[in-house]
Amino acid sequence: MPLPQAATGDVVVRVRAAGIVPDELDWPGTWVDRAGRDRTPSVPAHDVAGEVTEVRYGTTGFAVGDRVFGLTDWHRDGAAAEYVAVEARNLALLPRSLSFTDAAALPLSGLTAWQGLFVHGGLEAGQTVVVHGAGGGTGVLAVQLARQAGAHVIATGRGRAADLAMKMGAHGFVDLEKQSFGEAVGLVDLVFDTIGGDLLVESATKVRAGGALVSVTAPPPVRPEGGRAVFFIVEPNRDQLAELAGRAESGELRPHVGAVHPLAEAREAFRAKNAGVPGKVVLRV
């Protein structure tokens, strides 16, 4: 691929690490631009961590040499490359104490967890929250953030994720391979779903009046009685990125990197994630 050209408002980042998610190759934006026009060959991976090498005239907030991390645009090339052009507003400064690998596991998963719990879910101290898919990159961070907010956290997922979820702060774990979610859990204030399917439908019956069912997989087909049903797509947010970085720097927040592959093994990295590697899969560039 040619070196990326920075547009107004962009910086060019020398990529040191990039995070991937298993289904991004199915996203329309991976293959077409905002007008629906084919833009292949495409570069995937929307989590980026690296160093600024170019600042476009008129772009503010960063200087050449800054360590940064954040999200690339959904309809533009991603970070599975040596360089990527990113809108500066989608990035935040990366503390020196955080590695590029850990930083690449934070943006998409961390922002999704933060926005799902607090922006859309309205989670408060003393409430009870269920985190579906607690062994995934987003679920791991959601468990930690909810626990730090003073909530009672019930994690769900495959049995192999139980130890990880409990280590990250969950008060209880439901093994969905052995237990019925509906039978194992009473009414809760918030269900944060990263799994979808039948579990999303069943979850609506477990939200008490005034509570919320929040999903990143699909619009909930059933609304909780007396509650809210929310589907959202994560949005870049520099302030939230900075908050996540600060917590990671202090040790409060720990991203879970399940596997690291060199860039040349990007194909194998996607296969590994689809095979169920827990946590985040990161490409080292």
C-alpha atoms as a PDB file:
ATOM      1  CA  MET A   1       0.000   0.000   0.000  1.00  0.00           C
ATOM      2  CA  PRO A   2       1.216   3.578  -0.580  1.00  0.00           C
ATOM      3  CA  LEU A   3       1.984   5.820   2.375  1.00  0.00           C
ATOM      4  CA  PRO A   4      -1.294   7.341   3.614  1.00  0.00           C
ATOM      5  CA  GLN A   5      -1.997  10.986   2.877  1.00  0.00           C
ATOM      6  CA  ALA A   6      -3.231  13.129   5.761  1.00  0.00           C
ATOM      7  CA  ALA A   7      -6.396  15.135   5.130  1.00  0.00           C
ATOM      8  CA  THR A   8      -7.405  18.278   7.009  1.00  0.00           C
ATOM      9  CA  GLY A   9      -7.783  17.368  10.671  1.00  0.00           C
ATOM     10  CA  ASP A  10      -5.627  14.239  10.348  1.00  0.00           C
ATOM     11  CA  VAL A  11      -2.345  13.053  11.731  1.00  0.00           C
ATOM     12  CA  VAL A  12      -0.271  10.218  10.324  1.00  0.00           C
ATOM     13  CA  VAL A  13       0.650   7.578  12.888  1.00  0.00           C
ATOM     14  CA  ARG A  14       3.512   5.131  12.687  1.00  0.00           C
ATOM     15  CA  VAL A  15       1.723   2.028  13.932  1.00  0.00           C
ATOM     16  CA  ARG A  16       3.353   0.050  16.715  1.00  0.00           C
ATOM     17  CA  ALA A  17       0.363  -2.157  17.571  1.00  0.00           C
ATOM     18  CA  ALA A  18      -3.140  -2.682  16.228  1.00  0.00           C
ATOM     19  CA  GLY A  19      -6.138  -4.423  17.768  1.00  0.00           C
ATOM     20  CA  ILE A  20      -8.651  -6.510  15.808  1.00  0.00           C
ATOM     21  CA  VAL A  21     -12.160  -7.832  16.382  1.00  0.00           C
ATOM     22  CA  PRO A  22     -13.386 -11.084  14.838  1.00  0.00           C
ATOM     23  CA  ASP A  23     -16.297  -9.739  12.810  1.00  0.00           C
ATOM     24  CA  GLU A  24     -14.864  -6.534  11.333  1.00  0.00           C
ATOM     25  CA  LEU A  25     -14.291  -8.258   7.983  1.00  0.00           C
ATOM     26  CA  ASP A  26     -18.105  -8.489   7.773  1.00  0.00           C
ATOM     27  CA  TRP A  27     -18.652  -4.746   8.354  1.00  0.00           C
ATOM     28  CA  PRO A  28     -19.764  -2.845   5.220  1.00  0.00           C
ATOM     29  CA  GLY A  29     -17.359  -0.010   6.044  1.00  0.00           C
ATOM     30  CA  THR A  30     -14.425  -2.376   5.671  1.00  0.00           C
ATOM     31  CA  TRP A  31     -15.084  -2.674   1.951  1.00  0.00           C
ATOM     32  CA  VAL A  32     -16.889   0.516   0.846  1.00  0.00           C
ATOM     33  CA  ASP A  33     -16.688   4.232   1.552  1.00  0.00           C
ATOM     34  CA  ARG A  34     -19.504   6.333   2.998  1.00  0.00           C
ATOM     35  CA  ALA A  35     -21.072   6.663  -0.450  1.00  0.00           C
ATOM     36  CA  GLY A  36     -21.132   2.898  -0.859  1.00  0.00           C
ATOM     37  CA  ARG A  37     -18.311   2.832  -3.413  1.00  0.00           C
ATOM     38  CA  ASP A  38     -15.831  -0.032  -3.448  1.00  0.00           C
ATOM     39  CA  ARG A  39     -12.558   0.941  -1.766  1.00  0.00           C
ATOM     40  CA  THR A  40     -10.616  -2.317  -1.912  1.00  0.00           C
ATOM     41  CA  PRO A  41      -7.873  -3.230  -1.247  1.00  0.00           C
ATOM     42  CA  SER A  42      -8.748  -2.420   2.361  1.00  0.00           C
ATOM     43  CA  VAL A  43      -6.675  -2.359   5.531  1.00  0.00           C
ATOM     44  CA  PRO A  44      -8.470  -3.681   8.652  1.00  0.00           C
ATOM     45  CA  ALA A  45      -7.929  -3.123  12.405  1.00  0.00           C
ATOM     46  CA  HIS A  46      -9.476  -0.040  14.019  1.00  0.00           C
ATOM     47  CA  ASP A  47      -7.552   0.015  17.317  1.00  0.00           C
ATOM     48  CA  VAL A  48      -4.268   1.828  16.892  1.00  0.00           C
ATOM     49  CA  ALA A  49      -1.292   2.673  19.105  1.00  0.00           C
ATOM     50  CA  GLY A  50       1.840   4.352  17.822  1.00  0.00           C
ATOM     51  CA  GLU A  51       3.713   7.604  17.237  1.00  0.00           C
ATOM     52  CA  VAL A  52       2.717  10.712  15.313  1.00  0.00           C
ATOM     53  CA  THR A  53       4.941  11.248  12.264  1.00  0.00           C
ATOM     54  CA  GLU A  54       3.000  13.993  10.458  1.00  0.00           C
ATOM     55  CA  VAL A  55       0.543  16.680  11.522  1.00  0.00           C
ATOM     56  CA  ARG A  56      -1.573  18.168   8.751  1.00  0.00           C
ATOM     57  CA  TYR A  57      -1.710  21.964   8.537  1.00  0.00           C
ATOM     58  CA  GLY A  58      -4.668  23.139  10.614  1.00  0.00           C
ATOM     59  CA  THR A  59      -4.654  20.078  12.866  1.00  0.00           C
ATOM     60  CA  THR A  60      -4.185  20.849  16.556  1.00  0.00           C
ATOM     61  CA  GLY A  61      -3.597  18.892  19.742  1.00  0.00           C
ATOM     62  CA  PHE A  62      -0.629  16.761  18.690  1.00  0.00           C
ATOM     63  CA  ALA A  63       2.988  17.135  17.627  1.00  0.00           C
ATOM     64  CA  VAL A  64       5.369  14.889  15.725  1.00  0.00           C
ATOM     65  CA  GLY A  65       6.768  12.293  18.118  1.00  0.00           C
ATOM     66  CA  ASP A  66       3.716  12.107  20.405  1.00  0.00           C
ATOM     67  CA  ARG A  67       2.716   8.642  21.571  1.00  0.00           C
ATOM     68  CA  VAL A  68      -0.999   8.207  20.806  1.00  0.00           C
ATOM     69  CA  PHE A  69      -3.760   5.625  20.758  1.00  0.00           C
ATOM     70  CA  GLY A  70      -7.367   5.573  19.600  1.00  0.00           C
ATOM     71  CA  LEU A  71      -9.783   4.542  16.862  1.00  0.00           C
ATOM     72  CA  THR A  72      -9.474   4.786  13.101  1.00  0.00           C
ATOM     73  CA  ASP A  73     -12.497   5.745  11.013  1.00  0.00           C
ATOM     74  CA  TRP A  74     -14.871   2.889  10.125  1.00  0.00           C
ATOM     75  CA  HIS A  75     -14.876   3.794   6.414  1.00  0.00           C
ATOM     76  CA  ARG A  76     -11.136   4.378   6.022  1.00  0.00           C
ATOM     77  CA  ASP A  77      -8.109   2.124   6.129  1.00  0.00           C
ATOM     78  CA  GLY A  78      -7.222   0.796   9.545  1.00  0.00           C
ATOM     79  CA  ALA A  79      -4.067   0.123  11.499  1.00  0.00           C
ATOM     80  CA  ALA A  80      -2.921  -3.273  10.186  1.00  0.00           C
ATOM     81  CA  ALA A  81      -0.129  -1.444   8.381  1.00  0.00           C
ATOM     82  CA  GLU A  82       3.069   0.439   9.129  1.00  0.00           C
ATOM     83  CA  TYR A  83       1.356   3.842   8.846  1.00  0.00           C
ATOM     84  CA  VAL A  84      -2.233   5.083   9.062  1.00  0.00           C
ATOM     85  CA  ALA A  85      -3.905   8.481   8.681  1.00  0.00           C
ATOM     86  CA  VAL A  86      -6.347   9.151  11.523  1.00  0.00           C
ATOM     87  CA  GLU A  87      -8.590  12.045  12.462  1.00  0.00           C
ATOM     88  CA  ALA A  88      -6.822  13.721  15.382  1.00  0.00           C
ATOM     89  CA  ARG A  89     -10.073  14.002  17.337  1.00  0.00           C
ATOM     90  CA  ASN A  90     -10.211  10.183  17.472  1.00  0.00           C
ATOM     91  CA  LEU A  91      -6.893   9.920  19.327  1.00  0.00           C
ATOM     92  CA  ALA A  92      -5.556  10.641  22.804  1.00  0.00           C
ATOM     93  CA  LEU A  93      -2.067  10.890  24.245  1.00  0.00           C
ATOM     94  CA  LEU A  94      -0.622   7.612  25.487  1.00  0.00           C
ATOM     95  CA  PRO A  95       1.158   7.657  28.860  1.00  0.00           C
ATOM     96  CA  ARG A  96       4.789   6.514  28.736  1.00  0.00           C
ATOM     97  CA  SER A  97       4.145   3.769  31.259  1.00  0.00           C
ATOM     98  CA  LEU A  98       1.667   1.961  28.991  1.00  0.00           C
ATOM     99  CA  SER A  99       2.946  -0.392  26.324  1.00  0.00           C
ATOM    100  CA  PHE A 100       1.761  -0.080  22.751  1.00  0.00           C
ATOM    101  CA  THR A 101       0.399  -3.631  22.969  1.00  0.00           C
ATOM    102  CA  ASP A 102      -1.816  -2.895  25.968  1.00  0.00           C
ATOM    103  CA  ALA A 103      -2.847   0.430  24.456  1.00  0.00           C
ATOM    104  CA  ALA A 104      -4.034  -1.291  21.269  1.00  0.00           C
ATOM    105  CA  ALA A 105      -6.384  -3.403  23.394  1.00  0.00           C
ATOM    106  CA  LEU A 106      -8.076  -0.356  24.935  1.00  0.00           C
ATOM    107  CA  PRO A 107      -9.818   1.948  22.420  1.00  0.00           C
ATOM    108  CA  LEU A 108     -12.631  -0.047  20.810  1.00  0.00           C
ATOM    109  CA  SER A 109     -13.251  -2.353  23.769  1.00  0.00           C
ATOM    110  CA  GLY A 110     -12.788   0.319  26.423  1.00  0.00           C
ATOM    111  CA  LEU A 111     -14.975   2.922  24.750  1.00  0.00           C
ATOM    112  CA  THR A 112     -17.657   0.306  24.068  1.00  0.00           C
ATOM    113  CA  ALA A 113     -17.655  -0.773  27.715  1.00  0.00           C
ATOM    114  CA  TRP A 114     -17.677   2.814  29.014  1.00  0.00           C
ATOM    115  CA  GLN A 115     -20.452   4.000  26.735  1.00  0.00           C
ATOM    116  CA  GLY A 116     -22.540   0.873  27.241  1.00  0.00           C
ATOM    117  CA  LEU A 117     -22.371   1.017  31.021  1.00  0.00           C
ATOM    118  CA  PHE A 118     -22.463   4.726  31.763  1.00  0.00           C
ATOM    119  CA  VAL A 119     -23.653   6.686  28.714  1.00  0.00           C
ATOM    120  CA  HIS A 120     -26.432   4.346  27.584  1.00  0.00           C
ATOM    121  CA  GLY A 121     -26.908   2.175  30.661  1.00  0.00           C
ATOM    122  CA  GLY A 122     -26.760   4.910  33.316  1.00  0.00           C
ATOM    123  CA  LEU A 123     -25.051   2.552  35.766  1.00  0.00           C
ATOM    124  CA  GLU A 124     -24.756   3.836  39.327  1.00  0.00           C
ATOM    125  CA  ALA A 125     -23.211   2.602  42.559  1.00  0.00           C
ATOM    126  CA  GLY A 126     -25.292   0.006  44.341  1.00  0.00           C
ATOM    127  CA  GLN A 127     -26.963  -1.322  41.220  1.00  0.00           C
ATOM    128  CA  THR A 128     -26.667  -4.840  39.829  1.00  0.00           C
ATOM    129  CA  VAL A 129     -25.330  -5.342  36.304  1.00  0.00           C
ATOM    130  CA  VAL A 130     -24.975  -8.418  34.103  1.00  0.00           C
ATOM    131  CA  VAL A 131     -22.088  -8.433  31.611  1.00  0.00           C
ATOM    132  CA  HIS A 132     -22.644 -10.984  28.843  1.00  0.00           C
ATOM    133  CA  GLY A 133     -19.435 -12.192  27.209  1.00  0.00           C
ATOM    134  CA  ALA A 134     -17.185 -11.329  30.136  1.00  0.00           C
ATOM    135  CA  GLY A 135     -14.225 -13.190  28.635  1.00  0.00           C
ATOM    136  CA  GLY A 136     -14.040 -10.984  25.550  1.00  0.00           C
ATOM    137  CA  GLY A 137     -11.988  -7.838  25.109  1.00  0.00           C
ATOM    138  CA  THR A 138     -14.993  -5.610  25.858  1.00  0.00           C
ATOM    139  CA  GLY A 139     -16.443  -7.799  28.583  1.00  0.00           C
ATOM    140  CA  VAL A 140     -13.201  -7.906  30.566  1.00  0.00           C
ATOM    141  CA  LEU A 141     -13.083  -4.112  30.709  1.00  0.00           C
ATOM    142  CA  ALA A 142     -16.818  -3.784  31.402  1.00  0.00           C
ATOM    143  CA  VAL A 143     -16.505  -6.035  34.454  1.00  0.00           C
ATOM    144  CA  GLN A 144     -13.691  -3.896  35.852  1.00  0.00           C
ATOM    145  CA  LEU A 145     -15.386  -0.568  35.144  1.00  0.00           C
ATOM    146  CA  ALA A 146     -18.679  -1.706  36.651  1.00  0.00           C
ATOM    147  CA  ARG A 147     -16.960  -3.007  39.779  1.00  0.00           C
ATOM    148  CA  GLN A 148     -15.039   0.261  40.173  1.00  0.00           C
ATOM    149  CA  ALA A 149     -18.332   2.155  39.879  1.00  0.00           C
ATOM    150  CA  GLY A 150     -19.629   0.339  42.948  1.00  0.00           C
ATOM    151  CA  ALA A 151     -21.989  -2.037  41.155  1.00  0.00           C
ATOM    152  CA  HIS A 152     -22.684  -5.695  41.916  1.00  0.00           C
ATOM    153  CA  VAL A 153     -21.341  -7.484  38.827  1.00  0.00           C
ATOM    154  CA  ILE A 154     -22.618 -10.790  37.438  1.00  0.00           C
ATOM    155  CA  ALA A 155     -20.523 -12.037  34.523  1.00  0.00           C
ATOM    156  CA  THR A 156     -21.572 -14.620  31.939  1.00  0.00           C
ATOM    157  CA  GLY A 157     -19.819 -16.548  29.197  1.00  0.00           C
ATOM    158  CA  ARG A 158     -18.201 -19.873  28.442  1.00  0.00           C
ATOM    159  CA  GLY A 159     -16.821 -21.767  31.387  1.00  0.00           C
ATOM    160  CA  ARG A 160     -13.218 -21.103  30.409  1.00  0.00           C
ATOM    161  CA  ALA A 161     -13.790 -17.378  31.060  1.00  0.00           C
ATOM    162  CA  ALA A 162     -14.892 -17.869  34.670  1.00  0.00           C
ATOM    163  CA  ASP A 163     -11.491 -17.508  36.330  1.00  0.00           C
ATOM    164  CA  LEU A 164     -10.646 -14.428  34.280  1.00  0.00           C
ATOM    165  CA  ALA A 165     -13.971 -12.729  35.027  1.00  0.00           C
ATOM    166  CA  MET A 166     -13.676 -13.360  38.751  1.00  0.00           C
ATOM    167  CA  LYS A 167     -10.076 -12.150  38.740  1.00  0.00           C
ATOM    168  CA  MET A 168     -11.217  -8.922  37.074  1.00  0.00           C
ATOM    169  CA  GLY A 169     -13.758  -8.245  39.809  1.00  0.00           C
ATOM    170  CA  ALA A 170     -17.000 -10.072  39.027  1.00  0.00           C
ATOM    171  CA  HIS A 171     -19.013 -11.056  42.097  1.00  0.00           C
ATOM    172  CA  GLY A 172     -20.465 -14.092  40.342  1.00  0.00           C
ATOM    173  CA  PHE A 173     -20.239 -16.013  37.067  1.00  0.00           C
ATOM    174  CA  VAL A 174     -22.859 -17.873  35.025  1.00  0.00           C
ATOM    175  CA  ASP A 175     -21.418 -20.594  32.784  1.00  0.00           C
ATOM    176  CA  LEU A 176     -23.755 -20.423  29.789  1.00  0.00           C
ATOM    177  CA  GLU A 177     -22.580 -23.849  28.625  1.00  0.00           C
ATOM    178  CA  LYS A 178     -23.915 -25.438  31.799  1.00  0.00           C
ATOM    179  CA  GLN A 179     -26.529 -23.099  33.266  1.00  0.00           C
ATOM    180  CA  SER A 180     -29.649 -21.353  32.052  1.00  0.00           C
ATOM    181  CA  PHE A 181     -29.168 -17.603  32.369  1.00  0.00           C
ATOM    182  CA  GLY A 182     -32.853 -17.116  33.114  1.00  0.00           C
ATOM    183  CA  GLU A 183     -32.785 -19.591  35.970  1.00  0.00           C
ATOM    184  CA  ALA A 184     -29.477 -18.438  37.435  1.00  0.00           C
ATOM    185  CA  VAL A 185     -30.169 -14.711  37.681  1.00  0.00           C
ATOM    186  CA  GLY A 186     -32.911 -12.649  39.289  1.00  0.00           C
ATOM    187  CA  LEU A 187     -33.960  -9.126  38.331  1.00  0.00           C
ATOM    188  CA  VAL A 188     -31.121  -6.684  37.681  1.00  0.00           C
ATOM    189  CA  ASP A 189     -30.763  -2.986  36.897  1.00  0.00           C
ATOM    190  CA  LEU A 190     -28.696  -3.331  33.731  1.00  0.00           C
ATOM    191  CA  VAL A 191     -27.801  -6.025  31.238  1.00  0.00           C
ATOM    192  CA  PHE A 192     -24.847  -5.200  28.978  1.00  0.00           C
ATOM    193  CA  ASP A 193     -24.836  -7.642  26.073  1.00  0.00           C
ATOM    194  CA  THR A 194     -21.941  -8.529  23.768  1.00  0.00           C
ATOM    195  CA  ILE A 195     -23.262 -11.954  22.682  1.00  0.00           C
ATOM    196  CA  GLY A 196     -26.738 -11.466  21.185  1.00  0.00           C
ATOM    197  CA  GLY A 197     -29.049 -14.167  19.832  1.00  0.00           C
ATOM    198  CA  ASP A 198     -31.511 -15.904  22.122  1.00  0.00           C
ATOM    199  CA  LEU A 199     -29.645 -14.585  25.147  1.00  0.00           C
ATOM    200  CA  LEU A 200     -30.553 -11.029  24.142  1.00  0.00           C
ATOM    201  CA  VAL A 201     -34.242 -11.943  24.041  1.00  0.00           C
ATOM    202  CA  GLU A 202     -34.086 -13.742  27.388  1.00  0.00           C
ATOM    203  CA  SER A 203     -32.235 -10.839  28.989  1.00  0.00           C
ATOM    204  CA  ALA A 204     -35.226  -8.526  28.526  1.00  0.00           C
ATOM    205  CA  THR A 205     -37.140 -10.571  31.112  1.00  0.00           C
ATOM    206  CA  LYS A 206     -34.417 -10.012  33.716  1.00  0.00           C
ATOM    207  CA  VAL A 207     -34.375  -6.202  33.750  1.00  0.00           C
ATOM    208  CA  ARG A 208     -36.399  -4.624  36.523  1.00  0.00           C
ATOM    209  CA  ALA A 209     -38.635  -1.600  35.966  1.00  0.00           C
ATOM    210  CA  GLY A 210     -36.551   1.500  35.364  1.00  0.00           C
ATOM    211  CA  GLY A 211     -33.579  -0.558  34.208  1.00  0.00           C
ATOM    212  CA  ALA A 212     -31.958  -1.002  30.816  1.00  0.00           C
ATOM    213  CA  LEU A 213     -30.950  -3.679  28.342  1.00  0.00           C
ATOM    214  CA  VAL A 214     -27.983  -2.393  26.329  1.00  0.00           C
ATOM    215  CA  SER A 215     -26.555  -4.349  23.398  1.00  0.00           C
ATOM    216  CA  VAL A 216     -23.759  -3.901  20.890  1.00  0.00           C
ATOM    217  CA  THR A 217     -24.787  -6.943  18.832  1.00  0.00           C
ATOM    218  CA  ALA A 218     -28.271  -6.041  17.533  1.00  0.00           C
ATOM    219  CA  PRO A 219     -31.337  -3.960  18.434  1.00  0.00           C
ATOM    220  CA  PRO A 220     -33.074  -5.836  21.278  1.00  0.00           C
ATOM    221  CA  PRO A 221     -36.226  -7.424  19.774  1.00  0.00           C
ATOM    222  CA  VAL A 222     -37.982  -7.207  23.159  1.00  0.00           C
ATOM    223  CA  ARG A 223     -38.063  -4.216  25.500  1.00  0.00           C
ATOM    224  CA  PRO A 224     -37.928  -4.869  29.249  1.00  0.00           C
ATOM    225  CA  GLU A 225     -41.250  -4.195  30.938  1.00  0.00           C
ATOM    226  CA  GLY A 226     -41.001  -0.693  32.371  1.00  0.00           C
ATOM    227  CA  GLY A 227     -37.408  -0.392  31.169  1.00  0.00           C
ATOM    228  CA  ARG A 228     -35.303   0.680  28.205  1.00  0.00           C
ATOM    229  CA  ALA A 229     -33.817  -1.267  25.282  1.00  0.00           C
ATOM    230  CA  VAL A 230     -30.752   0.279  23.625  1.00  0.00           C
ATOM    231  CA  PHE A 231     -28.574  -0.713  20.681  1.00  0.00           C
ATOM    232  CA  PHE A 232     -25.532   1.418  19.964  1.00  0.00           C
ATOM    233  CA  ILE A 233     -22.370   1.575  17.901  1.00  0.00           C
ATOM    234  CA  VAL A 234     -19.334   2.870  19.742  1.00  0.00           C
ATOM    235  CA  GLU A 235     -18.189   6.415  18.961  1.00  0.00           C
ATOM    236  CA  PRO A 236     -14.694   7.891  19.280  1.00  0.00           C
ATOM    237  CA  ASN A 237     -14.295  10.160  22.306  1.00  0.00           C
ATOM    238  CA  ARG A 238     -10.968  11.723  23.304  1.00  0.00           C
ATOM    239  CA  ASP A 239     -12.029  12.523  26.880  1.00  0.00           C
ATOM    240  CA  GLN A 240     -13.155   8.946  27.484  1.00  0.00           C
ATOM    241  CA  LEU A 241      -9.935   7.616  25.938  1.00  0.00           C
ATOM    242  CA  ALA A 242      -7.946   9.810  28.311  1.00  0.00           C
ATOM    243  CA  GLU A 243      -9.974   8.509  31.263  1.00  0.00           C
ATOM    244  CA  LEU A 244      -9.321   4.913  30.223  1.00  0.00           C
ATOM    245  CA  ALA A 245      -5.608   5.611  29.783  1.00  0.00           C
ATOM    246  CA  GLY A 246      -5.408   7.219  33.211  1.00  0.00           C
ATOM    247  CA  ARG A 247      -7.013   4.224  34.852  1.00  0.00           C
ATOM    248  CA  ALA A 248      -4.752   1.828  32.984  1.00  0.00           C
ATOM    249  CA  GLU A 249      -1.697   3.865  33.966  1.00  0.00           C
ATOM    250  CA  SER A 250      -2.674   3.706  37.647  1.00  0.00           C
ATOM    251  CA  GLY A 251      -3.314  -0.030  37.459  1.00  0.00           C
ATOM    252  CA  GLU A 252      -7.065   0.253  38.046  1.00  0.00           C
ATOM    253  CA  LEU A 253      -7.899  -0.994  34.552  1.00  0.00           C
ATOM    254  CA  ARG A 254      -6.213  -3.984  32.942  1.00  0.00           C
ATOM    255  CA  PRO A 255      -6.851  -4.838  29.300  1.00  0.00           C
ATOM    256  CA  HIS A 256      -6.546  -8.548  28.628  1.00  0.00           C
ATOM    257  CA  VAL A 257      -4.422  -9.363  25.581  1.00  0.00           C
ATOM    258  CA  GLY A 258      -5.157 -12.938  24.623  1.00  0.00           C
ATOM    259  CA  ALA A 259      -2.663 -13.221  21.772  1.00  0.00           C
ATOM    260  CA  VAL A 260      -0.079 -11.116  19.929  1.00  0.00           C
ATOM    261  CA  HIS A 261       0.843 -11.765  16.293  1.00  0.00           C
ATOM    262  CA  PRO A 262       3.339 -10.016  14.006  1.00  0.00           C
ATOM    263  CA  LEU A 263       1.749  -8.042  11.175  1.00  0.00           C
ATOM    264  CA  ALA A 264       2.764 -10.688   8.641  1.00  0.00           C
ATOM    265  CA  GLU A 265       0.491 -13.142  10.483  1.00  0.00           C
ATOM    266  CA  ALA A 266      -2.637 -10.974  10.290  1.00  0.00           C
ATOM    267  CA  ARG A 267      -4.613 -13.753   8.594  1.00  0.00           C
ATOM    268  CA  GLU A 268      -3.721 -16.169  11.392  1.00  0.00           C
ATOM    269  CA  ALA A 269      -4.635 -13.512  13.966  1.00  0.00           C
ATOM    270  CA  PHE A 270      -8.181 -13.220  12.617  1.00  0.00           C
ATOM    271  CA  ARG A 271      -8.505 -16.992  12.567  1.00  0.00           C
ATOM    272  CA  ALA A 272      -7.312 -17.189  16.170  1.00  0.00           C
ATOM    273  CA  LYS A 273      -9.860 -14.646  17.313  1.00  0.00           C
ATOM    274  CA  ASN A 274     -12.651 -16.422  15.481  1.00  0.00           C
ATOM    275  CA  ALA A 275     -11.537 -19.634  17.179  1.00  0.00           C
ATOM    276  CA  GLY A 276     -12.344 -18.078  20.539  1.00  0.00           C
ATOM    277  CA  VAL A 277      -9.086 -16.691  21.929  1.00  0.00           C
ATOM    278  CA  PRO A 278     -10.135 -14.827  25.110  1.00  0.00           C
ATOM    279  CA  GLY A 279      -9.534 -11.112  25.471  1.00  0.00           C
ATOM    280  CA  LYS A 280      -8.081  -8.989  22.692  1.00  0.00           C
ATOM    281  CA  VAL A 281      -5.949 -10.133  19.772  1.00  0.00           C
ATOM    282  CA  VAL A 282      -3.250  -7.615  18.859  1.00  0.00           C
ATOM    283  CA  LEU A 283      -0.991  -7.232  15.838  1.00  0.00           C
ATOM    284  CA  ARG A 284       2.558  -6.119  16.564  1.00  0.00           C
ATOM    285  CA  VAL A 285       3.838  -3.845  13.812  1.00  0.00           C
END
